[in-house]
C-alpha atoms as a PDB file:
ATOM      1  CA  MET A   1      20.565 -50.772  62.904  1.00  0.00           C
ATOM      2  CA  ALA A   2      18.132 -52.019  66.353  1.00  0.00           C
ATOM      3  CA  THR A   3      14.442 -51.827  65.717  1.00  0.00           C
ATOM      4  CA  ALA A   4      13.503 -48.508  67.644  1.00  0.00           C
ATOM      5  CA  VAL A   5       9.555 -48.390  67.122  1.00  0.00           C
ATOM      6  CA  TYR A   6       6.600 -50.572  66.077  1.00  0.00           C
ATOM      7  CA  VAL A   7       3.546 -49.743  64.065  1.00  0.00           C
ATOM      8  CA  ASN A   8       0.734 -52.500  65.611  1.00  0.00           C
ATOM      9  CA  LEU A   9      -2.651 -52.675  63.996  1.00  0.00           C
ATOM     10  CA  TYR A  10      -5.443 -54.092  66.196  1.00  0.00           C
ATOM     11  CA  LYS A  11      -8.388 -55.119  65.294  1.00  0.00           C
ATOM     12  CA  SER A  12     -11.730 -54.363  67.568  1.00  0.00           C
ATOM     13  CA  TYR A  13     -14.768 -55.855  67.998  1.00  0.00           C
ATOM     14  CA  SER A  14     -18.186 -54.130  69.039  1.00  0.00           C
ATOM     15  CA  ASP A  15     -21.284 -55.573  69.527  1.00  0.00           C
ATOM     16  CA  ARG A  16     -23.897 -52.510  69.479  1.00  0.00           C
ATOM     17  CA  GLY A  17     -21.785 -49.730  71.561  1.00  0.00           C
ATOM     18  CA  ALA A  18     -20.249 -52.329  73.824  1.00  0.00           C
ATOM     19  CA  PHE A  19     -16.759 -53.984  73.601  1.00  0.00           C
ATOM     20  CA  VAL A  20     -15.920 -57.423  73.140  1.00  0.00           C
ATOM     21  CA  GLN A  21     -12.358 -58.220  71.639  1.00  0.00           C
ATOM     22  CA  SER A  22      -8.840 -56.547  70.243  1.00  0.00           C
ATOM     23  CA  GLY A  23      -6.699 -58.449  69.174  1.00  0.00           C
ATOM     24  CA  LEU A  24      -3.168 -57.342  67.368  1.00  0.00           C
ATOM     25  CA  TRP A  25      -3.752 -57.776  63.637  1.00  0.00           C
ATOM     26  CA  GLN A  26      -0.528 -57.005  61.881  1.00  0.00           C
ATOM     27  CA  SER A  27       2.582 -55.133  63.180  1.00  0.00           C
ATOM     28  CA  SER A  28       5.898 -53.806  61.331  1.00  0.00           C
ATOM     29  CA  GLU A  29       8.976 -52.854  62.676  1.00  0.00           C
ATOM     30  CA  VAL A  30      10.441 -49.379  62.076  1.00  0.00           C
ATOM     31  CA  ASP A  31      14.614 -49.112  62.788  1.00  0.00           C
ATOM     32  CA  GLU A  32      16.474 -46.009  63.521  1.00  0.00           C
ATOM     33  CA  SER A  33      17.898 -45.566  60.407  1.00  0.00           C
ATOM     34  CA  GLU A  34      14.982 -45.465  58.949  1.00  0.00           C
ATOM     35  CA  ILE A  35      13.662 -42.070  60.701  1.00  0.00           C
ATOM     36  CA  LYS A  36      13.842 -39.108  59.347  1.00  0.00           C
ATOM     37  CA  VAL A  37      12.528 -35.890  60.874  1.00  0.00           C
ATOM     38  CA  GLY A  38      10.464 -33.845  59.196  1.00  0.00           C
ATOM     39  CA  GLU A  39       8.883 -37.420  56.935  1.00  0.00           C
ATOM     40  CA  LYS A  40       6.402 -39.803  57.975  1.00  0.00           C
ATOM     41  CA  LEU A  41       6.967 -42.143  59.881  1.00  0.00           C
ATOM     42  CA  PRO A  42       8.058 -45.503  58.098  1.00  0.00           C
ATOM     43  CA  GLN A  43       5.606 -48.830  57.411  1.00  0.00           C
ATOM     44  CA  TRP A  44       2.559 -46.642  58.681  1.00  0.00           C
ATOM     45  CA  PRO A  45       0.117 -48.530  56.674  1.00  0.00           C
ATOM     46  CA  SER A  46      -2.223 -45.690  54.907  1.00  0.00           C
ATOM     47  CA  TYR A  47      -0.590 -42.105  52.910  1.00  0.00           C
ATOM     48  CA  ASP A  48      -1.982 -40.275  55.793  1.00  0.00           C
ATOM     49  CA  GLY A  49       0.764 -40.564  58.557  1.00  0.00           C
ATOM     50  CA  PRO A  50       2.075 -39.058  61.244  1.00  0.00           C
ATOM     51  CA  ILE A  51       5.030 -36.643  60.294  1.00  0.00           C
ATOM     52  CA  VAL A  52       8.162 -37.602  62.591  1.00  0.00           C
ATOM     53  CA  LYS A  53       8.711 -33.684  64.640  1.00  0.00           C
ATOM     54  CA  GLY A  54      11.863 -35.412  66.452  1.00  0.00           C
ATOM     55  CA  TYR A  55      13.620 -38.832  67.643  1.00  0.00           C
ATOM     56  CA  LYS A  56      16.476 -39.550  69.982  1.00  0.00           C
ATOM     57  CA  PRO A  57      16.197 -43.044  71.398  1.00  0.00           C
ATOM     58  CA  GLY A  58      13.903 -43.991  74.031  1.00  0.00           C
ATOM     59  CA  LEU A  59      11.696 -40.824  72.492  1.00  0.00           C
ATOM     60  CA  LEU A  60       9.606 -40.409  69.556  1.00  0.00           C
ATOM     61  CA  GLU A  61       7.735 -37.195  68.588  1.00  0.00           C
ATOM     62  CA  LEU A  62       5.355 -36.778  65.991  1.00  0.00           C
ATOM     63  CA  GLU A  63       2.138 -35.140  64.386  1.00  0.00           C
ATOM     64  CA  TYR A  64      -0.898 -35.971  63.576  1.00  0.00           C
ATOM     65  CA  HIS A  65      -3.589 -33.685  61.868  1.00  0.00           C
ATOM     66  CA  GLY A  66      -2.606 -30.612  64.249  1.00  0.00           C
ATOM     67  CA  LYS A  67      -1.868 -32.955  67.449  1.00  0.00           C
ATOM     68  CA  GLN A  68       1.412 -33.021  69.147  1.00  0.00           C
ATOM     69  CA  ILE A  69       2.327 -36.752  70.477  1.00  0.00           C
ATOM     70  CA  THR A  70       5.189 -37.558  72.332  1.00  0.00           C
ATOM     71  CA  ILE A  71       5.938 -41.239  72.967  1.00  0.00           C
ATOM     72  CA  ALA A  72       8.006 -42.952  75.664  1.00  0.00           C
ATOM     73  CA  SER A  73      10.061 -45.957  75.701  1.00  0.00           C
ATOM     74  CA  GLY A  74       7.924 -48.524  76.671  1.00  0.00           C
ATOM     75  CA  GLU A  75       4.600 -46.771  75.754  1.00  0.00           C
ATOM     76  CA  GLU A  76       2.071 -47.407  72.942  1.00  0.00           C
ATOM     77  CA  VAL A  77       0.172 -45.051  71.929  1.00  0.00           C
ATOM     78  CA  GLN A  78      -3.399 -45.219  69.868  1.00  0.00           C
ATOM     79  CA  ILE A  79      -2.725 -42.212  66.541  1.00  0.00           C
ATOM     80  CA  ASP A  80      -6.219 -43.497  64.664  1.00  0.00           C
ATOM     81  CA  SER A  81      -8.559 -45.767  64.198  1.00  0.00           C
ATOM     82  CA  SER A  82     -11.234 -46.546  61.028  1.00  0.00           C
ATOM     83  CA  PRO A  83     -13.719 -48.240  60.312  1.00  0.00           C
ATOM     84  CA  PHE A  84     -13.639 -51.904  58.877  1.00  0.00           C
ATOM     85  CA  SER A  85     -16.768 -53.954  58.742  1.00  0.00           C
ATOM     86  CA  GLN A  86     -20.224 -54.291  60.259  1.00  0.00           C
ATOM     87  CA  GLU A  87     -22.674 -57.036  60.428  1.00  0.00           C
ATOM     88  CA  TYR A  88     -24.886 -58.164  62.555  1.00  0.00           C
ATOM     89  CA  GLY A  89     -24.300 -55.405  64.630  1.00  0.00           C
ATOM     90  CA  VAL A  90     -20.718 -55.905  65.533  1.00  0.00           C
ATOM     91  CA  SER A  91     -18.266 -53.549  64.083  1.00  0.00           C
ATOM     92  CA  CYS A  92     -14.700 -53.805  63.584  1.00  0.00           C
ATOM     93  CA  TYR A  93     -12.228 -51.105  63.455  1.00  0.00           C
ATOM     94  CA  ILE A  94      -8.675 -51.080  62.890  1.00  0.00           C
ATOM     95  CA  LEU A  95      -6.767 -49.231  65.936  1.00  0.00           C
ATOM     96  CA  LYS A  96      -3.321 -47.961  64.635  1.00  0.00           C
ATOM     97  CA  CYS A  97      -0.860 -47.453  67.223  1.00  0.00           C
ATOM     98  CA  VAL A  98       2.902 -46.930  67.235  1.00  0.00           C
ATOM     99  CA  LYS A  99       4.883 -48.343  70.653  1.00  0.00           C
ATOM    100  CA  VAL A 100       8.410 -47.282  70.991  1.00  0.00           C
ATOM    101  CA  VAL A 101      11.239 -49.735  72.504  1.00  0.00           C
END
């Protein structure tokens, strides 16, 4: 089968609240055959992942913490973020994003 979705993790840095830098940290491919309606999106980096509510090639519908998210082909949407580290006033966040191809 073909890759349908990428789960991308970005490290995003801010210095005392001002955006400094963001870059791709990890990327995981999700094959069409792995996507199951009613189940957690495969390759999600934590136990608390978005649930697939609908999928057809080029369109993915998710639910995450009660929020409905629709992602069309070519779009990348940030689903969640979490603090990673903080030193000397510089904070690092992990941005969890989903891209439909």
